[in-house]
Every structure is written in structure tokens, then in C-alpha cells.
C-alpha atoms as a PDB file:
ATOM      1  CA  MET A   1    -132.251  60.412-112.603  1.00  0.00           C
ATOM      2  CA  PRO A   2    -132.586  57.048-110.839  1.00  0.00           C
ATOM      3  CA  ALA A   3    -135.173  56.774-108.060  1.00  0.00           C
ATOM      4  CA  TYR A   4    -134.712  54.374-105.154  1.00  0.00           C
ATOM      5  CA  LEU A   5    -136.719  52.821-102.357  1.00  0.00           C
ATOM      6  CA  ILE A   6    -134.446  52.158 -99.374  1.00  0.00           C
ATOM      7  CA  SER A   7    -135.201  49.951 -96.376  1.00  0.00           C
ATOM      8  CA  TYR A   8    -132.740  49.244 -93.592  1.00  0.00           C
ATOM      9  CA  SER A   9    -132.579  47.485 -90.243  1.00  0.00           C
ATOM     10  CA  THR A  10    -129.742  48.362 -87.894  1.00  0.00           C
ATOM     11  CA  ALA A  11    -128.399  46.602 -84.820  1.00  0.00           C
ATOM     12  CA  THR A  12    -127.877  49.847 -82.892  1.00  0.00           C
ATOM     13  CA  GLU A  13    -129.948  52.961 -82.414  1.00  0.00           C
ATOM     14  CA  GLN A  14    -126.883  55.132 -83.102  1.00  0.00           C
ATOM     15  CA  THR A  15    -126.338  53.601 -86.548  1.00  0.00           C
ATOM     16  CA  ARG A  16    -130.020  54.076 -87.307  1.00  0.00           C
ATOM     17  CA  ALA A  17    -129.926  57.711 -86.164  1.00  0.00           C
ATOM     18  CA  ASP A  18    -126.800  58.334 -88.258  1.00  0.00           C
ATOM     19  CA  LEU A  19    -128.366  56.769 -91.348  1.00  0.00           C
ATOM     20  CA  ASP A  20    -131.620  58.676 -90.803  1.00  0.00           C
ATOM     21  CA  GLU A  21    -129.558  61.874 -90.666  1.00  0.00           C
ATOM     22  CA  PHE A  22    -127.670  60.955 -93.882  1.00  0.00           C
ATOM     23  CA  MET A  23    -130.963  60.274 -95.649  1.00  0.00           C
ATOM     24  CA  ASP A  24    -132.373  63.607 -94.454  1.00  0.00           C
ATOM     25  CA  VAL A  25    -129.311  65.510 -95.711  1.00  0.00           C
ATOM     26  CA  LEU A  26    -129.651  63.796 -99.102  1.00  0.00           C
ATOM     27  CA  GLY A  27    -133.290  64.897 -99.328  1.00  0.00           C
ATOM     28  CA  ALA A  28    -134.805  61.435 -98.926  1.00  0.00           C
ATOM     29  CA  VAL A  29    -138.554  61.293 -98.378  1.00  0.00           C
ATOM     30  CA  PRO A  30    -139.467  59.265 -95.271  1.00  0.00           C
ATOM     31  CA  LEU A  31    -142.149  56.678 -96.077  1.00  0.00           C
ATOM     32  CA  GLY A  32    -142.136  54.760 -92.813  1.00  0.00           C
ATOM     33  CA  GLU A  33    -139.818  53.591 -90.080  1.00  0.00           C
ATOM     34  CA  CYS A  34    -136.437  52.855 -91.723  1.00  0.00           C
ATOM     35  CA  LEU A  35    -138.020  53.252 -95.174  1.00  0.00           C
ATOM     36  CA  CYS A  36    -137.522  56.154 -97.563  1.00  0.00           C
ATOM     37  CA  GLY A  37    -137.531  57.192-101.191  1.00  0.00           C
ATOM     38  CA  LEU A  38    -134.709  59.075-102.863  1.00  0.00           C
ATOM     39  CA  GLU A  39    -133.609  60.301-106.271  1.00  0.00           C
ATOM     40  CA  MET A  40    -129.840  60.173-106.684  1.00  0.00           C
ATOM     41  CA  ASN A  41    -127.573  60.275-109.695  1.00  0.00           C
ATOM     42  CA  LEU A  42    -125.692  57.079-108.796  1.00  0.00           C
ATOM     43  CA  GLY A  43    -126.060  53.602-110.238  1.00  0.00           C
ATOM     44  CA  LEU A  44    -127.707  50.925-108.095  1.00  0.00           C
ATOM     45  CA  ASP A  45    -124.519  49.111-107.086  1.00  0.00           C
ATOM     46  CA  ALA A  46    -122.599  52.327-106.385  1.00  0.00           C
ATOM     47  CA  PHE A  47    -125.494  53.633-104.303  1.00  0.00           C
ATOM     48  CA  ARG A  48    -125.785  50.379-102.353  1.00  0.00           C
ATOM     49  CA  ASP A  49    -122.011  50.297-101.790  1.00  0.00           C
ATOM     50  CA  TRP A  50    -122.120  53.850-100.452  1.00  0.00           C
ATOM     51  CA  LEU A  51    -124.997  52.997 -98.090  1.00  0.00           C
ATOM     52  CA  THR A  52    -123.271  49.798 -96.979  1.00  0.00           C
ATOM     53  CA  SER A  53    -120.247  51.857 -95.972  1.00  0.00           C
ATOM     54  CA  GLN A  54    -122.542  53.732 -93.552  1.00  0.00           C
ATOM     55  CA  LEU A  55    -123.786  50.505 -91.906  1.00  0.00           C
ATOM     56  CA  GLU A  56    -122.334  47.907 -89.596  1.00  0.00           C
ATOM     57  CA  GLU A  57    -121.591  44.454 -91.003  1.00  0.00           C
ATOM     58  CA  CYS A  58    -124.625  42.875 -89.290  1.00  0.00           C
ATOM     59  CA  ASP A  59    -127.135  45.516 -90.473  1.00  0.00           C
ATOM     60  CA  ALA A  60    -129.619  44.671 -93.227  1.00  0.00           C
ATOM     61  CA  LEU A  61    -130.260  46.810 -96.286  1.00  0.00           C
ATOM     62  CA  VAL A  62    -132.497  46.625 -99.347  1.00  0.00           C
ATOM     63  CA  VAL A  63    -132.232  49.133-102.179  1.00  0.00           C
ATOM     64  CA  ILE A  64    -134.822  48.878-104.950  1.00  0.00           C
ATOM     65  CA  GLU A  65    -134.304  50.899-108.094  1.00  0.00           C
ATOM     66  CA  LEU A  66    -137.725  52.170-109.173  1.00  0.00           C
ATOM     67  CA  ARG A  67    -136.584  54.176-112.156  1.00  0.00           C
ATOM     68  CA  PRO A  68    -135.338  53.705-114.863  1.00  0.00           C
ATOM     69  CA  ARG A  69    -136.118  49.980-114.287  1.00  0.00           C
ATOM     70  CA  PHE A  70    -136.895  47.659-111.384  1.00  0.00           C
ATOM     71  CA  LYS A  71    -133.746  46.145-109.866  1.00  0.00           C
ATOM     72  CA  GLN A  72    -132.598  45.430-106.339  1.00  0.00           C
ATOM     73  CA  SER A  73    -129.399  45.150-104.359  1.00  0.00           C
ATOM     74  CA  SER A  74    -129.244  44.009-100.750  1.00  0.00           C
ATOM     75  CA  GLN A  75    -127.079  43.143 -97.764  1.00  0.00           C
ATOM     76  CA  ASN A  76    -127.708  40.467 -95.121  1.00  0.00           C
ATOM     77  CA  LEU A  77    -130.958  39.067 -96.535  1.00  0.00           C
ATOM     78  CA  SER A  78    -131.699  35.356 -96.712  1.00  0.00           C
ATOM     79  CA  ARG A  79    -131.530  33.646-100.096  1.00  0.00           C
ATOM     80  CA  GLU A  80    -135.264  33.070 -99.874  1.00  0.00           C
ATOM     81  CA  ALA A  81    -135.942  36.768 -99.286  1.00  0.00           C
ATOM     82  CA  VAL A  82    -133.714  37.783-102.198  1.00  0.00           C
ATOM     83  CA  ALA A  83    -135.375  35.217-104.494  1.00  0.00           C
ATOM     84  CA  TRP A  84    -138.841  36.466-103.494  1.00  0.00           C
ATOM     85  CA  LEU A  85    -137.848  40.087-104.048  1.00  0.00           C
ATOM     86  CA  GLU A  86    -136.349  39.298-107.466  1.00  0.00           C
ATOM     87  CA  GLU A  87    -139.559  37.498-108.446  1.00  0.00           C
ATOM     88  CA  MET A  88    -141.721  40.424-107.325  1.00  0.00           C
ATOM     89  CA  LEU A  89    -139.636  42.877-109.368  1.00  0.00           C
ATOM     90  CA  LYS A  90    -139.994  40.936-112.637  1.00  0.00           C
ATOM     91  CA  PRO A  91    -142.150  42.653-115.264  1.00  0.00           C
ATOM     92  CA  ARG A  92    -145.611  41.141-115.529  1.00  0.00           C
ATOM     93  CA  ALA A  93    -147.582  40.638-118.717  1.00  0.00           C
ATOM     94  CA  VAL A  94    -150.919  42.427-118.687  1.00  0.00           C
END
């Protein structure tokens, strides 16, 4: 089952509270403020689309797939931030 790291930033406290409640119902593990881990049997894009539907247009979201492989999908991040994140998720030779 895919495992995800989810980080979000919301414009309103109500949206944040609603999303925190959704994450709790799904069994997400809180890792910090607006940061949690979750296993869910949805593909990365489907999962991100579902989360995006819970957010306002101006809210920011990053979903990193930890398993089965490193990938990311985001909303409202700068091109520089997305490029940096993509670079950090590339496999490294040991």
C-alpha cells in the first residue's frame, strides 16, 4: 500500500481544522504542525486530487509518495520549490 507524507498550508483556520479532522479520520499520523504521514490505497495523483478538493484555491499542498517509490505532487508551490523537491527525491548513488 502506498505511504505518503503530506504537508499543507491553509489560508483559514477553518480549512486547516477541517483538513486536520479529515486526516485524523483517515488514520494519518501527525508528525508536526500541518504535517502527517498516511498509508492509503490511492495513487499519488488521485490522492492529491482528493486532498485538493478539500482545500481552497489559495492553499498550498505537498504530497510525497514514500512507498513504493519517491514521487511528489503539489499545489501552489513556486517553480523553484518544485524543482528543488524533485531534485531531493531523485535516487542517489551510494
